[in-house]
Amino acid sequence: MKAGNLPLPAAPATPTTGVVASEPRLLGIADSRPATALENGQYRIWAEHFEQRTGILIHDHREPFVRRELERRLGELGLDFETYLQHLLQPASGVGEWRHLLDRLVIKETRFFRHRESHDFIREQVARRAARQGGERLDIWSLGCSTGEEAYSLALDALAGFETAGHAPEFAVIGTDISVSALREARTGVYPLNALGTADRQRLTRFMESIATSRFRLTAEVRRHVGFVADNLLDQRCGFFREGADIIFCQHLLVYFRRWRRRQALNFLARRLKPGGLLVVGPGECSDWQPGFLVRERHPDISAYRRPHPEGK
């Protein structure tokens, strides 16, 4: 799962820059002790707190890995489970420690243009909108952006769409995630070439600066449109794009929620769309969701929903 799959409460961030306030200090690390095996009941208590805090259900196939990392952390800190749990549940010491655990437990799996059909659709929609509405500003929200590849992919989609329509690009992409370390990487805009996967590198060359062997940095033309914010989807905050977003892109995130949490999150995202806005989710991630006021886009390869304009507008 990628980093964006774990939406924890985060320190405030400035939407235009994504600068996060300083983190609380982690628990003081004592002399490392051998990892102590957790009892099943202790692990279940921790897992329940984890799901309550993050919304994430740890599936059975990941439990052995998570247990090992948690046991190893107890050994590093020289704490028994009960003392450690008390620290986790304290506002002062818990926030930083939860973040530390996230960076150890989360698999930051992401790449550029991960679902090609969805990005093709975004480029087409941006071009149509720009042709119809000229240079009107476009606001795009990338949820669970991890180390930034998805947010930058959306910026590249928007640049291509505006160029097709013959208009100067007027847009902003905000990428949100709860992993501070992932966002730190995202803000650099530096990636290995293999992060491009099967993307059309020839088309993207103009937006890439070679900085080292097999590594590149996205140009300022791309980076100036993108900001990153530490955010918790479960908190349902609206501190950026206060009037709503034109495009909300949420893929490979909701599959880790229980169904009722998934529907709750989707209902919140639907309300955060501007009239005419699009919500694009991963195929199969919301098969049992019935949006009350969105219209499903007819497209064979994507899952997208549009919020209609009010009648007469």
C-alpha atoms as a PDB file:
ATOM      1  CA  MET A   1       0.000   0.000   0.000  1.00  0.00           C
ATOM      2  CA  LYS A   2       1.242   3.473  -0.627  1.00  0.00           C
ATOM      3  CA  ALA A   3       1.776   6.112   1.980  1.00  0.00           C
ATOM      4  CA  GLY A   4      -1.437   7.874   1.208  1.00  0.00           C
ATOM      5  CA  ASN A   5      -3.383   4.861   2.401  1.00  0.00           C
ATOM      6  CA  LEU A   6      -2.946   5.846   6.029  1.00  0.00           C
ATOM      7  CA  PRO A   7      -4.630   9.203   6.745  1.00  0.00           C
ATOM      8  CA  LEU A   8      -3.410  10.231  10.202  1.00  0.00           C
ATOM      9  CA  PRO A   9      -3.862  13.639  11.803  1.00  0.00           C
ATOM     10  CA  ALA A  10      -0.981  15.873  10.776  1.00  0.00           C
ATOM     11  CA  ALA A  11       0.595  19.159  11.761  1.00  0.00           C
ATOM     12  CA  PRO A  12      -0.775  22.212   9.925  1.00  0.00           C
ATOM     13  CA  ALA A  13       0.724  22.961   6.547  1.00  0.00           C
ATOM     14  CA  THR A  14       0.687  25.931   4.219  1.00  0.00           C
ATOM     15  CA  PRO A  15      -1.323  24.871   1.141  1.00  0.00           C
ATOM     16  CA  THR A  16       0.789  26.767  -1.374  1.00  0.00           C
ATOM     17  CA  THR A  17       4.076  25.407  -0.161  1.00  0.00           C
ATOM     18  CA  GLY A  18       3.198  22.278   1.774  1.00  0.00           C
ATOM     19  CA  VAL A  19       5.554  23.337   4.577  1.00  0.00           C
ATOM     20  CA  VAL A  20       4.665  21.314   7.662  1.00  0.00           C
ATOM     21  CA  ALA A  21       5.023  22.625  11.178  1.00  0.00           C
ATOM     22  CA  SER A  22       7.725  21.033  13.283  1.00  0.00           C
ATOM     23  CA  GLU A  23       6.875  17.550  14.524  1.00  0.00           C
ATOM     24  CA  PRO A  24       6.618  16.524  18.171  1.00  0.00           C
ATOM     25  CA  ARG A  25       9.694  14.652  19.331  1.00  0.00           C
ATOM     26  CA  LEU A  26       9.619  10.884  19.113  1.00  0.00           C
ATOM     27  CA  LEU A  27       9.870   8.791  22.222  1.00  0.00           C
ATOM     28  CA  GLY A  28      13.379   8.781  23.589  1.00  0.00           C
ATOM     29  CA  ILE A  29      15.202   5.698  22.351  1.00  0.00           C
ATOM     30  CA  ALA A  30      16.808   3.634  25.084  1.00  0.00           C
ATOM     31  CA  ASP A  31      19.450   0.988  24.611  1.00  0.00           C
ATOM     32  CA  SER A  32      17.995  -1.424  22.093  1.00  0.00           C
ATOM     33  CA  ARG A  33      16.697  -4.661  23.563  1.00  0.00           C
ATOM     34  CA  PRO A  34      15.811  -7.879  21.774  1.00  0.00           C
ATOM     35  CA  ALA A  35      12.360  -7.747  20.221  1.00  0.00           C
ATOM     36  CA  THR A  36       9.709  -9.199  22.535  1.00  0.00           C
ATOM     37  CA  ALA A  37       6.892 -11.181  20.984  1.00  0.00           C
ATOM     38  CA  LEU A  38       3.494  -9.573  21.407  1.00  0.00           C
ATOM     39  CA  GLU A  39       0.639 -11.567  22.788  1.00  0.00           C
ATOM     40  CA  ASN A  40      -2.310 -11.883  20.411  1.00  0.00           C
ATOM     41  CA  GLY A  41      -4.467  -9.778  22.704  1.00  0.00           C
ATOM     42  CA  GLN A  42      -1.876  -7.007  22.819  1.00  0.00           C
ATOM     43  CA  TYR A  43      -1.549  -6.913  19.050  1.00  0.00           C
ATOM     44  CA  ARG A  44      -5.338  -6.768  18.657  1.00  0.00           C
ATOM     45  CA  ILE A  45      -5.519  -3.820  21.048  1.00  0.00           C
ATOM     46  CA  TRP A  46      -2.869  -1.978  19.031  1.00  0.00           C
ATOM     47  CA  ALA A  47      -4.543  -2.859  15.713  1.00  0.00           C
ATOM     48  CA  GLU A  48      -7.889  -1.530  16.968  1.00  0.00           C
ATOM     49  CA  HIS A  49      -6.309   1.778  17.957  1.00  0.00           C
ATOM     50  CA  PHE A  50      -4.531   1.883  14.598  1.00  0.00           C
ATOM     51  CA  GLU A  51      -7.761   1.420  12.657  1.00  0.00           C
ATOM     52  CA  GLN A  52      -9.621   3.898  14.827  1.00  0.00           C
ATOM     53  CA  ARG A  53      -6.910   6.488  14.225  1.00  0.00           C
ATOM     54  CA  THR A  54      -6.227   5.820  10.541  1.00  0.00           C
ATOM     55  CA  GLY A  55      -9.282   4.074   9.137  1.00  0.00           C
ATOM     56  CA  ILE A  56      -7.030   1.300   7.854  1.00  0.00           C
ATOM     57  CA  LEU A  57      -7.872  -2.341   8.426  1.00  0.00           C
ATOM     58  CA  ILE A  58      -4.710  -4.460   8.525  1.00  0.00           C
ATOM     59  CA  HIS A  59      -5.466  -7.533   6.463  1.00  0.00           C
ATOM     60  CA  ASP A  60      -4.343 -10.973   7.578  1.00  0.00           C
ATOM     61  CA  HIS A  61      -1.597 -11.292   4.966  1.00  0.00           C
ATOM     62  CA  ARG A  62       0.142  -8.166   6.312  1.00  0.00           C
ATOM     63  CA  GLU A  63      -0.173  -9.009   9.997  1.00  0.00           C
ATOM     64  CA  PRO A  64       3.136 -10.925  10.321  1.00  0.00           C
ATOM     65  CA  PHE A  65       5.115  -8.005   8.891  1.00  0.00           C
ATOM     66  CA  VAL A  66       3.310  -5.429  11.027  1.00  0.00           C
ATOM     67  CA  ARG A  67       3.765  -7.507  14.176  1.00  0.00           C
ATOM     68  CA  ARG A  68       7.506  -7.899  13.544  1.00  0.00           C
ATOM     69  CA  GLU A  69       7.983  -4.167  13.048  1.00  0.00           C
ATOM     70  CA  LEU A  70       5.973  -3.334  16.145  1.00  0.00           C
ATOM     71  CA  GLU A  71       7.934  -5.829  18.228  1.00  0.00           C
ATOM     72  CA  ARG A  72      11.195  -4.470  16.861  1.00  0.00           C
ATOM     73  CA  ARG A  73      10.124  -0.941  17.816  1.00  0.00           C
ATOM     74  CA  LEU A  74       9.417  -2.022  21.399  1.00  0.00           C
ATOM     75  CA  GLY A  75      12.930  -3.471  21.553  1.00  0.00           C
ATOM     76  CA  GLU A  76      14.463  -0.244  20.230  1.00  0.00           C
ATOM     77  CA  LEU A  77      12.692   1.827  22.849  1.00  0.00           C
ATOM     78  CA  GLY A  78      13.208  -0.674  25.677  1.00  0.00           C
ATOM     79  CA  LEU A  79       9.514  -0.477  26.595  1.00  0.00           C
ATOM     80  CA  ASP A  80       6.916  -3.066  27.451  1.00  0.00           C
ATOM     81  CA  PHE A  81       3.679  -3.005  25.487  1.00  0.00           C
ATOM     82  CA  GLU A  82       1.539  -1.360  28.159  1.00  0.00           C
ATOM     83  CA  THR A  83       3.974   1.544  28.636  1.00  0.00           C
ATOM     84  CA  TYR A  84       4.377   1.974  24.895  1.00  0.00           C
ATOM     85  CA  LEU A  85       0.611   2.054  24.368  1.00  0.00           C
ATOM     86  CA  GLN A  86       0.278   4.754  27.015  1.00  0.00           C
ATOM     87  CA  HIS A  87       2.836   6.874  25.144  1.00  0.00           C
ATOM     88  CA  LEU A  88       1.019   6.308  21.837  1.00  0.00           C
ATOM     89  CA  LEU A  89      -2.241   7.538  23.286  1.00  0.00           C
ATOM     90  CA  GLN A  90      -0.737  10.726  24.729  1.00  0.00           C
ATOM     91  CA  PRO A  91      -1.165  13.870  22.574  1.00  0.00           C
ATOM     92  CA  ALA A  92       2.389  15.097  23.227  1.00  0.00           C
ATOM     93  CA  SER A  93       4.330  11.914  22.547  1.00  0.00           C
ATOM     94  CA  GLY A  94       1.880   9.977  20.405  1.00  0.00           C
ATOM     95  CA  VAL A  95       1.719  12.036  17.207  1.00  0.00           C
ATOM     96  CA  GLY A  96       5.416  11.817  16.414  1.00  0.00           C
ATOM     97  CA  GLU A  97       5.550   8.128  17.251  1.00  0.00           C
ATOM     98  CA  TRP A  98       2.542   7.325  15.074  1.00  0.00           C
ATOM     99  CA  ARG A  99       4.309   9.066  12.186  1.00  0.00           C
ATOM    100  CA  HIS A 100       7.447   7.071  12.857  1.00  0.00           C
ATOM    101  CA  LEU A 101       5.453   3.851  12.763  1.00  0.00           C
ATOM    102  CA  LEU A 102       3.765   4.866   9.525  1.00  0.00           C
ATOM    103  CA  ASP A 103       7.057   5.376   7.757  1.00  0.00           C
ATOM    104  CA  ARG A 104       8.125   1.893   8.836  1.00  0.00           C
ATOM    105  CA  LEU A 105       4.869   0.104   8.102  1.00  0.00           C
ATOM    106  CA  VAL A 106       3.739   1.713   4.875  1.00  0.00           C
ATOM    107  CA  ILE A 107       4.844   0.543   1.465  1.00  0.00           C
ATOM    108  CA  LYS A 108       5.226   3.670  -0.651  1.00  0.00           C
ATOM    109  CA  GLU A 109       4.080   2.065  -3.878  1.00  0.00           C
ATOM    110  CA  THR A 110       3.420   4.622  -6.597  1.00  0.00           C
ATOM    111  CA  ARG A 111       4.602   5.710 -10.033  1.00  0.00           C
ATOM    112  CA  PHE A 112       3.884   8.244 -12.740  1.00  0.00           C
ATOM    113  CA  PHE A 113       0.604   7.817 -14.663  1.00  0.00           C
ATOM    114  CA  ARG A 114      -0.171   4.698 -12.664  1.00  0.00           C
ATOM    115  CA  HIS A 115      -3.596   4.158 -14.260  1.00  0.00           C
ATOM    116  CA  ARG A 116      -3.001   5.373 -17.805  1.00  0.00           C
ATOM    117  CA  GLU A 117      -6.665   5.432 -18.836  1.00  0.00           C
ATOM    118  CA  SER A 118      -7.572   7.774 -15.985  1.00  0.00           C
ATOM    119  CA  HIS A 119      -4.786  10.187 -16.890  1.00  0.00           C
ATOM    120  CA  ASP A 120      -5.767  10.119 -20.573  1.00  0.00           C
ATOM    121  CA  PHE A 121      -9.277  11.025 -19.442  1.00  0.00           C
ATOM    122  CA  ILE A 122      -8.003  13.911 -17.285  1.00  0.00           C
ATOM    123  CA  ARG A 123      -6.001  15.384 -20.178  1.00  0.00           C
ATOM    124  CA  GLU A 124      -9.039  15.207 -22.421  1.00  0.00           C
ATOM    125  CA  GLN A 125     -11.315  16.792 -19.821  1.00  0.00           C
ATOM    126  CA  VAL A 126      -8.878  19.636 -19.104  1.00  0.00           C
ATOM    127  CA  ALA A 127      -8.582  20.389 -22.823  1.00  0.00           C
ATOM    128  CA  ARG A 128     -12.365  20.484 -23.247  1.00  0.00           C
ATOM    129  CA  ARG A 129     -12.841  22.676 -20.214  1.00  0.00           C
ATOM    130  CA  ALA A 130     -10.083  25.085 -21.243  1.00  0.00           C
ATOM    131  CA  ALA A 131     -11.520  25.351 -24.763  1.00  0.00           C
ATOM    132  CA  ARG A 132     -14.963  26.092 -23.312  1.00  0.00           C
ATOM    133  CA  GLN A 133     -13.995  28.336 -20.394  1.00  0.00           C
ATOM    134  CA  GLY A 134     -10.765  29.848 -21.623  1.00  0.00           C
ATOM    135  CA  GLY A 135      -8.095  30.569 -19.050  1.00  0.00           C
ATOM    136  CA  GLU A 136     -10.308  30.091 -15.989  1.00  0.00           C
ATOM    137  CA  ARG A 137      -8.357  28.617 -13.085  1.00  0.00           C
ATOM    138  CA  LEU A 138      -8.510  24.860 -12.491  1.00  0.00           C
ATOM    139  CA  ASP A 139      -8.067  23.318  -9.019  1.00  0.00           C
ATOM    140  CA  ILE A 140      -6.994  19.660  -8.732  1.00  0.00           C
ATOM    141  CA  TRP A 141      -6.716  17.556  -5.563  1.00  0.00           C
ATOM    142  CA  SER A 142      -4.570  14.398  -5.464  1.00  0.00           C
ATOM    143  CA  LEU A 143      -5.354  12.273  -2.379  1.00  0.00           C
ATOM    144  CA  GLY A 144      -2.779   9.873  -1.013  1.00  0.00           C
ATOM    145  CA  CYS A 145      -0.072  11.353  -3.213  1.00  0.00           C
ATOM    146  CA  SER A 146       2.760   9.528  -1.412  1.00  0.00           C
ATOM    147  CA  THR A 147       6.108  10.738  -2.817  1.00  0.00           C
ATOM    148  CA  GLY A 148       4.413  12.963  -5.384  1.00  0.00           C
ATOM    149  CA  GLU A 149       4.385  11.023  -8.641  1.00  0.00           C
ATOM    150  CA  GLU A 150       0.598  11.156  -8.927  1.00  0.00           C
ATOM    151  CA  ALA A 151       0.346  14.887  -8.201  1.00  0.00           C
ATOM    152  CA  TYR A 152       3.030  15.711 -10.761  1.00  0.00           C
ATOM    153  CA  SER A 153       1.358  13.386 -13.270  1.00  0.00           C
ATOM    154  CA  LEU A 154      -1.843  15.393 -12.878  1.00  0.00           C
ATOM    155  CA  ALA A 155       0.105  18.628 -13.376  1.00  0.00           C
ATOM    156  CA  LEU A 156       1.573  17.206 -16.597  1.00  0.00           C
ATOM    157  CA  ASP A 157      -1.941  16.186 -17.669  1.00  0.00           C
ATOM    158  CA  ALA A 158      -3.185  19.721 -17.052  1.00  0.00           C
ATOM    159  CA  LEU A 159      -0.286  21.306 -18.933  1.00  0.00           C
ATOM    160  CA  ALA A 160      -1.014  19.069 -21.924  1.00  0.00           C
ATOM    161  CA  GLY A 161      -4.739  19.843 -21.762  1.00  0.00           C
ATOM    162  CA  PHE A 162      -4.259  23.615 -21.672  1.00  0.00           C
ATOM    163  CA  GLU A 163      -1.729  23.394 -24.492  1.00  0.00           C
ATOM    164  CA  THR A 164      -4.170  21.392 -26.641  1.00  0.00           C
ATOM    165  CA  ALA A 165      -6.818  24.060 -26.055  1.00  0.00           C
ATOM    166  CA  GLY A 166      -4.378  26.842 -26.909  1.00  0.00           C
ATOM    167  CA  HIS A 167      -4.619  28.583 -23.520  1.00  0.00           C
ATOM    168  CA  ALA A 168      -1.999  29.551 -20.947  1.00  0.00           C
ATOM    169  CA  PRO A 169      -2.084  27.097 -18.024  1.00  0.00           C
ATOM    170  CA  GLU A 170      -3.951  28.439 -14.999  1.00  0.00           C
ATOM    171  CA  PHE A 171      -4.205  25.645 -12.469  1.00  0.00           C
ATOM    172  CA  ALA A 172      -3.005  24.316  -9.129  1.00  0.00           C
ATOM    173  CA  VAL A 173      -2.509  20.753  -7.938  1.00  0.00           C
ATOM    174  CA  ILE A 174      -2.536  20.018  -4.216  1.00  0.00           C
ATOM    175  CA  GLY A 175      -1.203  16.608  -3.217  1.00  0.00           C
ATOM    176  CA  THR A 176      -2.150  15.387   0.256  1.00  0.00           C
ATOM    177  CA  ASP A 177      -0.713  12.576   2.345  1.00  0.00           C
ATOM    178  CA  ILE A 178      -0.059  11.784   5.988  1.00  0.00           C
ATOM    179  CA  SER A 179       3.543  10.610   5.629  1.00  0.00           C
ATOM    180  CA  VAL A 180       5.810  13.555   6.382  1.00  0.00           C
ATOM    181  CA  SER A 181       8.850  11.769   4.942  1.00  0.00           C
ATOM    182  CA  ALA A 182       6.975  10.982   1.717  1.00  0.00           C
ATOM    183  CA  LEU A 183       5.921  14.617   1.324  1.00  0.00           C
ATOM    184  CA  ARG A 184       9.499  15.722   1.946  1.00  0.00           C
ATOM    185  CA  GLU A 185      10.568  13.627  -1.043  1.00  0.00           C
ATOM    186  CA  ALA A 186       7.640  14.883  -3.109  1.00  0.00           C
ATOM    187  CA  ARG A 187       8.618  18.528  -2.683  1.00  0.00           C
ATOM    188  CA  THR A 188      12.020  17.934  -4.253  1.00  0.00           C
ATOM    189  CA  GLY A 189      10.505  16.738  -7.540  1.00  0.00           C
ATOM    190  CA  VAL A 190      13.488  14.396  -8.015  1.00  0.00           C
ATOM    191  CA  TYR A 191      12.957  10.802  -9.196  1.00  0.00           C
ATOM    192  CA  PRO A 192      14.738   7.823 -10.732  1.00  0.00           C
ATOM    193  CA  LEU A 193      14.026   7.263 -14.394  1.00  0.00           C
ATOM    194  CA  ASN A 194      12.377   3.942 -13.664  1.00  0.00           C
ATOM    195  CA  ALA A 195       9.613   5.814 -11.790  1.00  0.00           C
ATOM    196  CA  LEU A 196       8.260   6.748 -15.223  1.00  0.00           C
ATOM    197  CA  GLY A 197       7.353   3.139 -15.896  1.00  0.00           C
ATOM    198  CA  THR A 198       5.781   2.862 -19.349  1.00  0.00           C
ATOM    199  CA  ALA A 199       5.095   6.610 -19.681  1.00  0.00           C
ATOM    200  CA  ASP A 200       5.946   8.325 -22.962  1.00  0.00           C
ATOM    201  CA  ARG A 201       9.415   9.635 -22.079  1.00  0.00           C
ATOM    202  CA  GLN A 202       9.825  11.408 -25.403  1.00  0.00           C
ATOM    203  CA  ARG A 203       6.735  13.512 -24.699  1.00  0.00           C
ATOM    204  CA  LEU A 204       7.954  14.291 -21.188  1.00  0.00           C
ATOM    205  CA  THR A 205      11.560  15.197 -22.048  1.00  0.00           C
ATOM    206  CA  ARG A 206      10.857  18.944 -22.096  1.00  0.00           C
ATOM    207  CA  PHE A 207       9.722  18.745 -18.467  1.00  0.00           C
ATOM    208  CA  MET A 208      12.735  16.775 -17.194  1.00  0.00           C
ATOM    209  CA  GLU A 209      16.166  17.968 -16.068  1.00  0.00           C
ATOM    210  CA  SER A 210      18.891  15.361 -15.770  1.00  0.00           C
ATOM    211  CA  ILE A 211      20.637  15.743 -12.396  1.00  0.00           C
ATOM    212  CA  ALA A 212      22.492  12.439 -12.035  1.00  0.00           C
ATOM    213  CA  THR A 213      22.842   9.065 -13.633  1.00  0.00           C
ATOM    214  CA  SER A 214      19.356   7.619 -14.035  1.00  0.00           C
ATOM    215  CA  ARG A 215      17.751  10.465 -12.056  1.00  0.00           C
ATOM    216  CA  PHE A 216      15.834  13.555 -13.139  1.00  0.00           C
ATOM    217  CA  ARG A 217      14.104  16.576 -11.687  1.00  0.00           C
ATOM    218  CA  LEU A 218      10.842  17.992 -12.959  1.00  0.00           C
ATOM    219  CA  THR A 219      11.253  21.502 -14.323  1.00  0.00           C
ATOM    220  CA  ALA A 220      10.086  24.654 -12.575  1.00  0.00           C
ATOM    221  CA  GLU A 221       7.331  24.897 -15.181  1.00  0.00           C
ATOM    222  CA  VAL A 222       5.758  21.821 -13.601  1.00  0.00           C
ATOM    223  CA  ARG A 223       6.741  22.309  -9.958  1.00  0.00           C
ATOM    224  CA  ARG A 224       5.334  25.842  -9.683  1.00  0.00           C
ATOM    225  CA  HIS A 225       1.825  24.462 -10.136  1.00  0.00           C
ATOM    226  CA  VAL A 226       2.106  21.803  -7.414  1.00  0.00           C
ATOM    227  CA  GLY A 227       1.945  22.049  -3.618  1.00  0.00           C
ATOM    228  CA  PHE A 228       1.866  19.404  -0.898  1.00  0.00           C
ATOM    229  CA  VAL A 229      -0.071  19.371   2.364  1.00  0.00           C
ATOM    230  CA  ALA A 230      -0.071  16.925   5.259  1.00  0.00           C
ATOM    231  CA  ASP A 231      -3.723  16.015   5.615  1.00  0.00           C
ATOM    232  CA  ASN A 232      -6.005  13.395   7.129  1.00  0.00           C
ATOM    233  CA  LEU A 233      -8.935  12.394   4.937  1.00  0.00           C
ATOM    234  CA  LEU A 234     -10.842  11.135   7.978  1.00  0.00           C
ATOM    235  CA  ASP A 235     -10.705  14.600   9.545  1.00  0.00           C
ATOM    236  CA  GLN A 236     -12.598  15.983   6.524  1.00  0.00           C
ATOM    237  CA  ARG A 237     -10.786  19.304   6.647  1.00  0.00           C
ATOM    238  CA  CYS A 238     -11.348  21.946   3.991  1.00  0.00           C
ATOM    239  CA  GLY A 239      -8.355  24.208   4.536  1.00  0.00           C
ATOM    240  CA  PHE A 240      -7.397  24.324   0.868  1.00  0.00           C
ATOM    241  CA  PHE A 241      -9.560  24.873  -2.216  1.00  0.00           C
ATOM    242  CA  ARG A 242     -12.135  26.431   0.080  1.00  0.00           C
ATOM    243  CA  GLU A 243     -14.686  26.679  -2.734  1.00  0.00           C
ATOM    244  CA  GLY A 244     -14.097  23.060  -3.708  1.00  0.00           C
ATOM    245  CA  ALA A 245     -12.020  21.350  -6.381  1.00  0.00           C
ATOM    246  CA  ASP A 246     -12.623  20.979 -10.099  1.00  0.00           C
ATOM    247  CA  ILE A 247     -10.983  17.543 -10.151  1.00  0.00           C
ATOM    248  CA  ILE A 248     -10.519  15.157  -7.220  1.00  0.00           C
ATOM    249  CA  PHE A 249      -8.263  12.204  -7.971  1.00  0.00           C
ATOM    250  CA  CYS A 250      -8.431   9.410  -5.399  1.00  0.00           C
ATOM    251  CA  GLN A 251      -7.010   6.057  -6.482  1.00  0.00           C
ATOM    252  CA  HIS A 252      -5.459   3.080  -4.606  1.00  0.00           C
ATOM    253  CA  LEU A 253      -6.511   4.532  -1.265  1.00  0.00           C
ATOM    254  CA  LEU A 254     -10.082   3.577  -0.434  1.00  0.00           C
ATOM    255  CA  VAL A 255      -9.516  -0.153  -0.900  1.00  0.00           C
ATOM    256  CA  TYR A 256      -7.870  -0.226   2.537  1.00  0.00           C
ATOM    257  CA  PHE A 257     -10.961   1.122   4.302  1.00  0.00           C
ATOM    258  CA  ARG A 258     -13.928  -0.815   5.559  1.00  0.00           C
ATOM    259  CA  ARG A 259     -16.922  -0.353   3.272  1.00  0.00           C
ATOM    260  CA  TRP A 260     -18.740   2.047   5.557  1.00  0.00           C
ATOM    261  CA  ARG A 261     -15.643   4.248   5.882  1.00  0.00           C
ATOM    262  CA  ARG A 262     -15.178   4.131   2.124  1.00  0.00           C
ATOM    263  CA  ARG A 263     -18.716   5.380   1.534  1.00  0.00           C
ATOM    264  CA  GLN A 264     -18.285   8.060   4.189  1.00  0.00           C
ATOM    265  CA  ALA A 265     -15.084   9.308   2.532  1.00  0.00           C
ATOM    266  CA  LEU A 266     -16.648   9.297  -0.937  1.00  0.00           C
ATOM    267  CA  ASN A 267     -19.647  11.294   0.290  1.00  0.00           C
ATOM    268  CA  PHE A 268     -17.286  13.898   1.740  1.00  0.00           C
ATOM    269  CA  LEU A 269     -15.286  14.095  -1.502  1.00  0.00           C
ATOM    270  CA  ALA A 270     -18.469  14.454  -3.524  1.00  0.00           C
ATOM    271  CA  ARG A 271     -19.409  17.483  -1.439  1.00  0.00           C
ATOM    272  CA  ARG A 272     -15.955  18.995  -2.061  1.00  0.00           C
ATOM    273  CA  LEU A 273     -16.531  19.161  -5.828  1.00  0.00           C
ATOM    274  CA  LYS A 274     -17.404  22.412  -7.531  1.00  0.00           C
ATOM    275  CA  PRO A 275     -20.427  22.302  -9.844  1.00  0.00           C
ATOM    276  CA  GLY A 276     -19.223  20.599 -13.009  1.00  0.00           C
ATOM    277  CA  GLY A 277     -16.333  19.005 -11.103  1.00  0.00           C
ATOM    278  CA  LEU A 278     -15.055  15.451 -11.487  1.00  0.00           C
ATOM    279  CA  LEU A 279     -14.302  12.760  -8.909  1.00  0.00           C
ATOM    280  CA  VAL A 280     -12.002  10.069 -10.339  1.00  0.00           C
ATOM    281  CA  VAL A 281     -11.451   6.918  -8.287  1.00  0.00           C
ATOM    282  CA  GLY A 282      -9.743   3.613  -8.939  1.00  0.00           C
ATOM    283  CA  PRO A 283     -11.720   1.057 -10.941  1.00  0.00           C
ATOM    284  CA  GLY A 284     -13.608  -1.199  -8.552  1.00  0.00           C
ATOM    285  CA  GLU A 285     -12.954   0.933  -5.469  1.00  0.00           C
ATOM    286  CA  CYS A 286     -16.539   2.122  -5.038  1.00  0.00           C
ATOM    287  CA  SER A 287     -18.715  -0.551  -6.664  1.00  0.00           C
ATOM    288  CA  ASP A 288     -21.323  -0.388  -3.880  1.00  0.00           C
ATOM    289  CA  TRP A 289     -21.466   3.422  -3.617  1.00  0.00           C
ATOM    290  CA  GLN A 290     -24.578   5.217  -4.821  1.00  0.00           C
ATOM    291  CA  PRO A 291     -23.843   8.962  -5.069  1.00  0.00           C
ATOM    292  CA  GLY A 292     -27.009  10.947  -4.529  1.00  0.00           C
ATOM    293  CA  PHE A 293     -26.116  13.994  -6.601  1.00  0.00           C
ATOM    294  CA  LEU A 294     -23.303  12.902  -8.949  1.00  0.00           C
ATOM    295  CA  VAL A 295     -23.608  11.475 -12.438  1.00  0.00           C
ATOM    296  CA  ARG A 296     -21.422   8.551 -13.534  1.00  0.00           C
ATOM    297  CA  GLU A 297     -19.301   9.292 -16.595  1.00  0.00           C
ATOM    298  CA  ARG A 298     -19.831   6.767 -19.358  1.00  0.00           C
ATOM    299  CA  HIS A 299     -16.371   5.397 -19.979  1.00  0.00           C
ATOM    300  CA  PRO A 300     -15.405   1.712 -20.190  1.00  0.00           C
ATOM    301  CA  ASP A 301     -12.030   1.927 -18.426  1.00  0.00           C
ATOM    302  CA  ILE A 302     -12.427   4.461 -15.622  1.00  0.00           C
ATOM    303  CA  SER A 303     -14.594   5.261 -12.616  1.00  0.00           C
ATOM    304  CA  ALA A 304     -15.468   8.950 -12.719  1.00  0.00           C
ATOM    305  CA  TYR A 305     -18.409  10.949 -11.405  1.00  0.00           C
ATOM    306  CA  ARG A 306     -19.442  14.502 -12.271  1.00  0.00           C
ATOM    307  CA  ARG A 307     -21.305  16.993 -10.126  1.00  0.00           C
ATOM    308  CA  PRO A 308     -23.885  18.630 -12.421  1.00  0.00           C
ATOM    309  CA  HIS A 309     -24.257  22.363 -12.689  1.00  0.00           C
ATOM    310  CA  PRO A 310     -27.415  23.777 -11.138  1.00  0.00           C
ATOM    311  CA  GLU A 311     -30.301  23.928 -13.584  1.00  0.00           C
ATOM    312  CA  GLY A 312     -30.170  26.954 -15.823  1.00  0.00           C
ATOM    313  CA  LYS A 313     -26.419  27.489 -15.408  1.00  0.00           C
END
